[in-house]
Amino acid sequence: YVLGLMRWVRGVSDGILKGWPEAKFTFQSSPNDNHAAWVMGHLAHTDAWIAGVVGAQGVKTPETYAKLFGMGSKPLARAGEYPSPANIRRVLDETRAGLIRWVESASDEQLA
């Protein structure tokens, strides 16, 4: 069930971001909006945080992600403040894949 839900939710976010123009990754329609770059980085950082909580080894984000995308961070309007969209996407895919691998291999005790 957990794996199906993880895959479905990521499919929804991937569908929203599919074809998103790179020039719009830090666009905010108002100063308080979360833009695509921040959302992707935050999801990756959250997957890594969850992995740390459950003991999934090797699921990490670069050290800069905590400041850019972690708890209490705010989206920045300047694209140059962030890694490239391709880099954020790579980290996003890697953290989710690592967390999924852990769930697939976890014992019932670990999952509990």
C-alpha atoms as a PDB file:
ATOM      1  CA  TYR A   1       0.000   0.000   0.000  1.00  0.00           C
ATOM      2  CA  VAL A   2       2.747   2.453   0.968  1.00  0.00           C
ATOM      3  CA  LEU A   3       4.654   1.841  -2.259  1.00  0.00           C
ATOM      4  CA  GLY A   4       1.552   2.345  -4.369  1.00  0.00           C
ATOM      5  CA  LEU A   5       0.759   5.586  -2.599  1.00  0.00           C
ATOM      6  CA  MET A   6       4.350   6.853  -2.913  1.00  0.00           C
ATOM      7  CA  ARG A   7       4.367   6.101  -6.627  1.00  0.00           C
ATOM      8  CA  TRP A   8       0.931   7.641  -7.195  1.00  0.00           C
ATOM      9  CA  VAL A   9       1.782  10.876  -5.364  1.00  0.00           C
ATOM     10  CA  ARG A  10       5.066  11.219  -7.247  1.00  0.00           C
ATOM     11  CA  GLY A  11       3.219  10.559 -10.499  1.00  0.00           C
ATOM     12  CA  VAL A  12       0.903  13.469  -9.724  1.00  0.00           C
ATOM     13  CA  SER A  13       3.778  15.851  -8.988  1.00  0.00           C
ATOM     14  CA  ASP A  14       5.701  14.612 -12.037  1.00  0.00           C
ATOM     15  CA  GLY A  15       2.628  15.204 -14.177  1.00  0.00           C
ATOM     16  CA  ILE A  16       2.335  18.769 -12.941  1.00  0.00           C
ATOM     17  CA  LEU A  17       6.019  19.447 -13.618  1.00  0.00           C
ATOM     18  CA  LYS A  18       6.186  17.689 -17.000  1.00  0.00           C
ATOM     19  CA  GLY A  19       7.126  20.199 -19.643  1.00  0.00           C
ATOM     20  CA  TRP A  20       7.532  23.002 -17.109  1.00  0.00           C
ATOM     21  CA  PRO A  21       9.696  25.640 -18.821  1.00  0.00           C
ATOM     22  CA  GLU A  22      13.111  25.938 -17.198  1.00  0.00           C
ATOM     23  CA  ALA A  23      12.825  29.730 -17.326  1.00  0.00           C
ATOM     24  CA  LYS A  24       9.749  29.487 -15.048  1.00  0.00           C
ATOM     25  CA  PHE A  25      11.231  27.240 -12.323  1.00  0.00           C
ATOM     26  CA  THR A  26      11.527  30.168  -9.911  1.00  0.00           C
ATOM     27  CA  PHE A  27       8.456  32.103 -11.078  1.00  0.00           C
ATOM     28  CA  GLN A  28       6.129  33.212  -8.299  1.00  0.00           C
ATOM     29  CA  SER A  29       2.796  34.837  -9.064  1.00  0.00           C
ATOM     30  CA  SER A  30       3.023  36.428  -5.618  1.00  0.00           C
ATOM     31  CA  PRO A  31       5.975  36.739  -3.208  1.00  0.00           C
ATOM     32  CA  ASN A  32       4.573  34.043  -0.908  1.00  0.00           C
ATOM     33  CA  ASP A  33       4.080  31.340  -3.557  1.00  0.00           C
ATOM     34  CA  ASN A  34       6.228  28.235  -3.621  1.00  0.00           C
ATOM     35  CA  HIS A  35       7.785  27.887  -7.057  1.00  0.00           C
ATOM     36  CA  ALA A  36       8.624  24.669  -8.906  1.00  0.00           C
ATOM     37  CA  ALA A  37      12.327  24.674  -7.970  1.00  0.00           C
ATOM     38  CA  TRP A  38      11.549  25.021  -4.270  1.00  0.00           C
ATOM     39  CA  VAL A  39       8.798  22.384  -4.334  1.00  0.00           C
ATOM     40  CA  MET A  40      11.061  19.843  -6.073  1.00  0.00           C
ATOM     41  CA  GLY A  41      13.955  20.506  -3.707  1.00  0.00           C
ATOM     42  CA  HIS A  42      11.668  20.400  -0.679  1.00  0.00           C
ATOM     43  CA  LEU A  43      10.225  17.043  -1.754  1.00  0.00           C
ATOM     44  CA  ALA A  44      13.740  15.639  -2.212  1.00  0.00           C
ATOM     45  CA  HIS A  45      14.875  17.006   1.154  1.00  0.00           C
ATOM     46  CA  THR A  46      11.738  15.607   2.826  1.00  0.00           C
ATOM     47  CA  ASP A  47      12.351  12.144   1.343  1.00  0.00           C
ATOM     48  CA  ALA A  48      15.900  12.271   2.724  1.00  0.00           C
ATOM     49  CA  TRP A  49      14.603  13.387   6.121  1.00  0.00           C
ATOM     50  CA  ILE A  50      12.070  10.525   6.188  1.00  0.00           C
ATOM     51  CA  ALA A  51      14.846   8.111   5.196  1.00  0.00           C
ATOM     52  CA  GLY A  52      16.885   9.322   8.158  1.00  0.00           C
ATOM     53  CA  VAL A  53      13.950   8.849  10.527  1.00  0.00           C
ATOM     54  CA  VAL A  54      13.324   5.253   9.392  1.00  0.00           C
ATOM     55  CA  GLY A  55      17.018   4.341   9.085  1.00  0.00           C
ATOM     56  CA  ALA A  56      17.264   4.076   5.297  1.00  0.00           C
ATOM     57  CA  GLN A  57      20.986   4.361   4.657  1.00  0.00           C
ATOM     58  CA  GLY A  58      22.442   6.419   1.830  1.00  0.00           C
ATOM     59  CA  VAL A  59      19.366   8.518   1.017  1.00  0.00           C
ATOM     60  CA  LYS A  60      20.706  12.057   1.210  1.00  0.00           C
ATOM     61  CA  THR A  61      20.558  15.444  -0.401  1.00  0.00           C
ATOM     62  CA  PRO A  62      23.509  17.786  -0.877  1.00  0.00           C
ATOM     63  CA  GLU A  63      24.309  19.839   2.238  1.00  0.00           C
ATOM     64  CA  THR A  64      23.049  23.028   0.578  1.00  0.00           C
ATOM     65  CA  TYR A  65      19.535  21.581   0.333  1.00  0.00           C
ATOM     66  CA  ALA A  66      18.809  22.057   4.055  1.00  0.00           C
ATOM     67  CA  LYS A  67      19.191  25.829   3.761  1.00  0.00           C
ATOM     68  CA  LEU A  68      17.526  26.117   0.353  1.00  0.00           C
ATOM     69  CA  PHE A  69      14.675  23.645   0.773  1.00  0.00           C
ATOM     70  CA  GLY A  70      14.463  22.506   4.394  1.00  0.00           C
ATOM     71  CA  MET A  71      12.109  23.392   7.198  1.00  0.00           C
ATOM     72  CA  GLY A  72      11.686  27.146   7.495  1.00  0.00           C
ATOM     73  CA  SER A  73      13.227  27.918   4.101  1.00  0.00           C
ATOM     74  CA  LYS A  74      11.543  30.404   1.809  1.00  0.00           C
ATOM     75  CA  PRO A  75      11.472  30.298  -2.003  1.00  0.00           C
ATOM     76  CA  LEU A  76      13.944  32.686  -3.609  1.00  0.00           C
ATOM     77  CA  ALA A  77      13.018  34.452  -6.838  1.00  0.00           C
ATOM     78  CA  ARG A  78      16.526  34.369  -8.337  1.00  0.00           C
ATOM     79  CA  ALA A  79      17.207  31.175 -10.291  1.00  0.00           C
ATOM     80  CA  GLY A  80      20.949  31.582  -9.728  1.00  0.00           C
ATOM     81  CA  GLU A  81      20.462  30.867  -6.021  1.00  0.00           C
ATOM     82  CA  TYR A  82      19.476  27.275  -6.828  1.00  0.00           C
ATOM     83  CA  PRO A  83      21.058  24.249  -8.459  1.00  0.00           C
ATOM     84  CA  SER A  84      19.889  23.745 -12.040  1.00  0.00           C
ATOM     85  CA  PRO A  85      16.414  22.262 -12.552  1.00  0.00           C
ATOM     86  CA  ALA A  86      18.099  19.134 -13.991  1.00  0.00           C
ATOM     87  CA  ASN A  87      20.192  18.777 -10.834  1.00  0.00           C
ATOM     88  CA  ILE A  88      17.188  19.239  -8.556  1.00  0.00           C
ATOM     89  CA  ARG A  89      15.259  16.676 -10.626  1.00  0.00           C
ATOM     90  CA  ARG A  90      18.145  14.185 -10.366  1.00  0.00           C
ATOM     91  CA  VAL A  91      18.289  14.538  -6.576  1.00  0.00           C
ATOM     92  CA  LEU A  92      14.482  14.310  -6.379  1.00  0.00           C
ATOM     93  CA  ASP A  93      14.489  11.071  -8.364  1.00  0.00           C
ATOM     94  CA  GLU A  94      17.418   9.619  -6.395  1.00  0.00           C
ATOM     95  CA  THR A  95      15.924  10.299  -2.963  1.00  0.00           C
ATOM     96  CA  ARG A  96      12.539   8.847  -3.898  1.00  0.00           C
ATOM     97  CA  ALA A  97      14.160   5.776  -5.484  1.00  0.00           C
ATOM     98  CA  GLY A  98      16.289   5.248  -2.373  1.00  0.00           C
ATOM     99  CA  LEU A  99      13.298   5.513  -0.082  1.00  0.00           C
ATOM    100  CA  ILE A 100      11.311   3.113  -2.268  1.00  0.00           C
ATOM    101  CA  ARG A 101      14.203   0.610  -2.230  1.00  0.00           C
ATOM    102  CA  TRP A 102      14.216   0.781   1.553  1.00  0.00           C
ATOM    103  CA  VAL A 103      10.453   0.224   1.817  1.00  0.00           C
ATOM    104  CA  GLU A 104      10.691  -2.721  -0.605  1.00  0.00           C
ATOM    105  CA  SER A 105      13.416  -4.369   1.469  1.00  0.00           C
ATOM    106  CA  ALA A 106      12.220  -3.442   4.969  1.00  0.00           C
ATOM    107  CA  SER A 107      11.033  -6.075   7.383  1.00  0.00           C
ATOM    108  CA  ASP A 108       7.602  -5.922   8.973  1.00  0.00           C
ATOM    109  CA  GLU A 109       9.299  -4.766  12.185  1.00  0.00           C
ATOM    110  CA  GLN A 110      11.081  -1.930  10.385  1.00  0.00           C
ATOM    111  CA  LEU A 111       7.885  -0.860   8.676  1.00  0.00           C
ATOM    112  CA  ALA A 112       5.991  -0.888  11.985  1.00  0.00           C
END
